[in-house]
Amino acid sequence: MKKAASTAQDGEGHQKALLTLTLEGLIPANQELVLNLALRTATLFSSAPDGKPTMVEQQHFSPNGMRVLAPLLQAYPQICLHEVLFASLDSLPLDEAYQQMREMRALTIRSIRRAVASLPARLRAFGWQVRSIRGAGYLIEAIPAE
């Protein structure tokens, strides 16, 4: 899985963080997902034979939804631990997130669950779902064909 992050500035000095992901096994090889962290959008692009990118799907996420979506996708195909999600959600260093989770596990897990609960409807548009791994974290996966 190839990942790239870039930061650009627009004319007004606002920073726009883009995260480009090629999620092998989750999307076709000719597609890539671009997360615009500032605008809280996930856009799936497909490369046509002529090399011209075409937008396949775009979804807008809540602030907390995007804060947990980015680490979930970066962890793909592995599980994203509760501590990593909590650190991203509360903008904490990972060691501080581990400490808070030890001290207030029920409260921190509740905030993670609430943020992750905002994802399923939007992820369905991409053909994905979030699966809970009890006691460990969450995992992004393709919705199984029926």
Protein backbone atom coordinates (compact mmCIF):
# COMPACT_ATOMS: atom_id res chain seq x y z
CA MET A 1 0.00 0.00 0.00
CA LYS A 2 1.45 3.31 -1.08
CA LYS A 3 0.79 6.35 1.08
CA ALA A 4 1.70 9.96 0.47
CA ALA A 5 0.93 13.05 2.45
CA SER A 6 1.32 16.55 1.19
CA THR A 7 0.61 19.97 2.51
CA ALA A 8 -0.11 22.89 0.23
CA GLN A 9 -1.06 26.46 0.88
CA ASP A 10 -3.76 28.32 -0.97
CA GLY A 11 -3.65 32.03 -1.76
CA GLU A 12 -5.07 32.99 1.64
CA GLY A 13 -2.45 31.06 3.61
CA HIS A 14 -4.73 28.20 4.65
CA GLN A 15 -3.06 24.82 4.83
CA LYS A 16 -4.67 21.90 3.06
CA ALA A 17 -3.46 18.45 4.06
CA LEU A 18 -3.96 15.73 1.46
CA LEU A 19 -3.42 12.07 2.13
CA THR A 20 -3.25 9.82 -0.94
CA LEU A 21 -3.80 6.09 -0.43
CA THR A 22 -3.71 3.13 -2.79
CA LEU A 23 -5.51 0.57 -0.69
CA GLU A 24 -4.46 -2.72 -2.27
CA GLY A 25 -7.26 -5.24 -1.94
CA LEU A 26 -9.84 -2.60 -0.99
CA ILE A 27 -9.90 -0.65 -4.26
CA PRO A 28 -8.85 -1.62 -7.80
CA ALA A 29 -5.22 -1.05 -8.81
CA ASN A 30 -6.16 1.81 -11.17
CA GLN A 31 -7.81 3.78 -8.34
CA GLU A 32 -6.57 5.89 -5.45
CA LEU A 33 -8.26 7.51 -2.51
CA VAL A 34 -7.47 11.10 -1.60
CA LEU A 35 -8.39 12.34 1.87
CA ASN A 36 -8.62 16.10 2.18
CA LEU A 37 -8.24 16.47 5.93
CA ALA A 38 -9.06 20.19 5.93
CA LEU A 39 -12.30 19.79 3.95
CA ARG A 40 -13.04 16.40 5.55
CA THR A 41 -13.66 14.70 2.21
CA ALA A 42 -12.69 11.31 0.86
CA THR A 43 -12.51 11.19 -2.94
CA LEU A 44 -11.95 8.05 -4.97
CA PHE A 45 -10.24 8.64 -8.32
CA SER A 46 -9.84 6.22 -11.20
CA SER A 47 -7.09 6.53 -13.82
CA ALA A 48 -8.41 6.17 -17.36
CA PRO A 49 -6.25 4.51 -20.06
CA ASP A 50 -5.35 8.01 -21.32
CA GLY A 51 -3.98 8.82 -17.85
CA LYS A 52 -6.71 11.30 -17.03
CA PRO A 53 -8.11 10.89 -13.47
CA THR A 54 -11.86 10.55 -13.09
CA MET A 55 -13.74 11.02 -9.82
CA VAL A 56 -15.59 7.81 -8.93
CA GLU A 57 -17.03 8.73 -5.52
CA GLN A 58 -16.77 11.50 -2.95
CA GLN A 59 -18.09 11.66 0.60
CA HIS A 60 -17.95 14.36 3.25
CA PHE A 61 -17.32 13.35 6.87
CA SER A 62 -17.94 14.93 10.26
CA PRO A 63 -14.87 16.36 12.04
CA ASN A 64 -14.65 13.38 14.41
CA GLY A 65 -15.46 10.96 11.60
CA MET A 66 -12.46 12.19 9.61
CA ARG A 67 -10.25 12.07 12.71
CA VAL A 68 -10.87 8.32 13.01
CA LEU A 69 -11.17 7.55 9.28
CA ALA A 70 -7.63 8.68 8.46
CA PRO A 71 -5.88 6.32 10.92
CA LEU A 72 -8.26 3.47 10.04
CA LEU A 73 -7.33 3.76 6.36
CA GLN A 74 -3.63 4.24 7.13
CA ALA A 75 -3.68 1.04 9.18
CA TYR A 76 -5.40 -0.95 6.40
CA PRO A 77 -5.26 -3.95 6.00
CA GLN A 78 -4.30 -4.21 9.68
CA ILE A 79 -6.40 -3.39 12.71
CA CYS A 80 -6.27 0.17 14.03
CA LEU A 81 -5.90 0.05 17.80
CA HIS A 82 -8.24 1.91 20.13
CA GLU A 83 -5.26 3.90 21.45
CA VAL A 84 -4.32 5.12 17.97
CA LEU A 85 -7.92 6.15 17.25
CA PHE A 86 -8.20 7.94 20.59
CA ALA A 87 -4.89 9.76 20.02
CA SER A 88 -6.11 10.95 16.63
CA LEU A 89 -9.56 11.87 17.93
CA ASP A 90 -8.21 14.01 20.77
CA SER A 91 -5.00 15.18 19.02
CA LEU A 92 -2.83 13.55 21.67
CA PRO A 93 0.61 11.97 21.52
CA LEU A 94 0.26 8.18 21.46
CA ASP A 95 1.84 7.67 24.90
CA GLU A 96 -0.62 10.14 26.45
CA ALA A 97 -3.52 8.36 24.73
CA TYR A 98 -2.32 5.03 26.21
CA GLN A 99 -2.19 6.65 29.66
CA GLN A 100 -5.69 8.15 29.43
CA MET A 101 -7.09 4.85 28.17
CA ARG A 102 -5.61 3.05 31.18
CA GLU A 103 -7.13 5.62 33.55
CA MET A 104 -10.54 6.11 31.90
CA ARG A 105 -11.09 3.17 29.54
CA ALA A 106 -14.90 3.27 29.46
CA LEU A 107 -14.99 7.01 28.73
CA THR A 108 -12.35 6.88 26.00
CA ILE A 109 -13.89 3.84 24.32
CA ARG A 110 -17.27 5.58 24.32
CA SER A 111 -15.84 8.60 22.47
CA ILE A 112 -14.18 6.30 19.91
CA ARG A 113 -17.40 4.33 19.37
CA ARG A 114 -19.36 7.54 18.86
CA ALA A 115 -16.90 8.79 16.23
CA VAL A 116 -16.72 5.42 14.43
CA ALA A 117 -20.54 5.21 14.44
CA SER A 118 -20.64 8.23 12.11
CA LEU A 119 -18.75 6.33 9.38
CA PRO A 120 -20.88 3.40 8.09
CA ALA A 121 -23.38 5.33 5.94
CA ARG A 122 -20.62 7.24 4.15
CA LEU A 123 -18.30 4.23 3.78
CA ARG A 124 -21.07 2.16 2.16
CA ALA A 125 -20.82 4.47 -0.88
CA PHE A 126 -17.27 3.13 -1.37
CA GLY A 127 -18.35 -0.48 -0.69
CA TRP A 128 -16.61 -0.58 2.70
CA GLN A 129 -17.56 -1.24 6.28
CA VAL A 130 -15.96 -0.86 9.70
CA ARG A 131 -15.64 -3.96 11.83
CA SER A 132 -15.04 -3.88 15.56
CA ILE A 133 -12.34 -6.17 16.90
CA ARG A 134 -13.43 -6.66 20.49
CA GLY A 135 -11.00 -5.29 23.03
CA ALA A 136 -8.49 -4.16 20.40
CA GLY A 137 -9.75 -1.69 17.81
CA TYR A 138 -11.41 -1.41 14.42
CA LEU A 139 -10.76 -2.56 10.88
CA ILE A 140 -11.84 -1.24 7.48
CA GLU A 141 -12.89 -3.96 5.03
CA ALA A 142 -14.87 -4.43 1.83
CA ILE A 143 -18.54 -5.21 2.27
CA PRO A 144 -18.85 -8.94 1.47
CA ALA A 145 -20.72 -9.79 -1.73
CA GLU A 146 -24.02 -11.50 -1.08
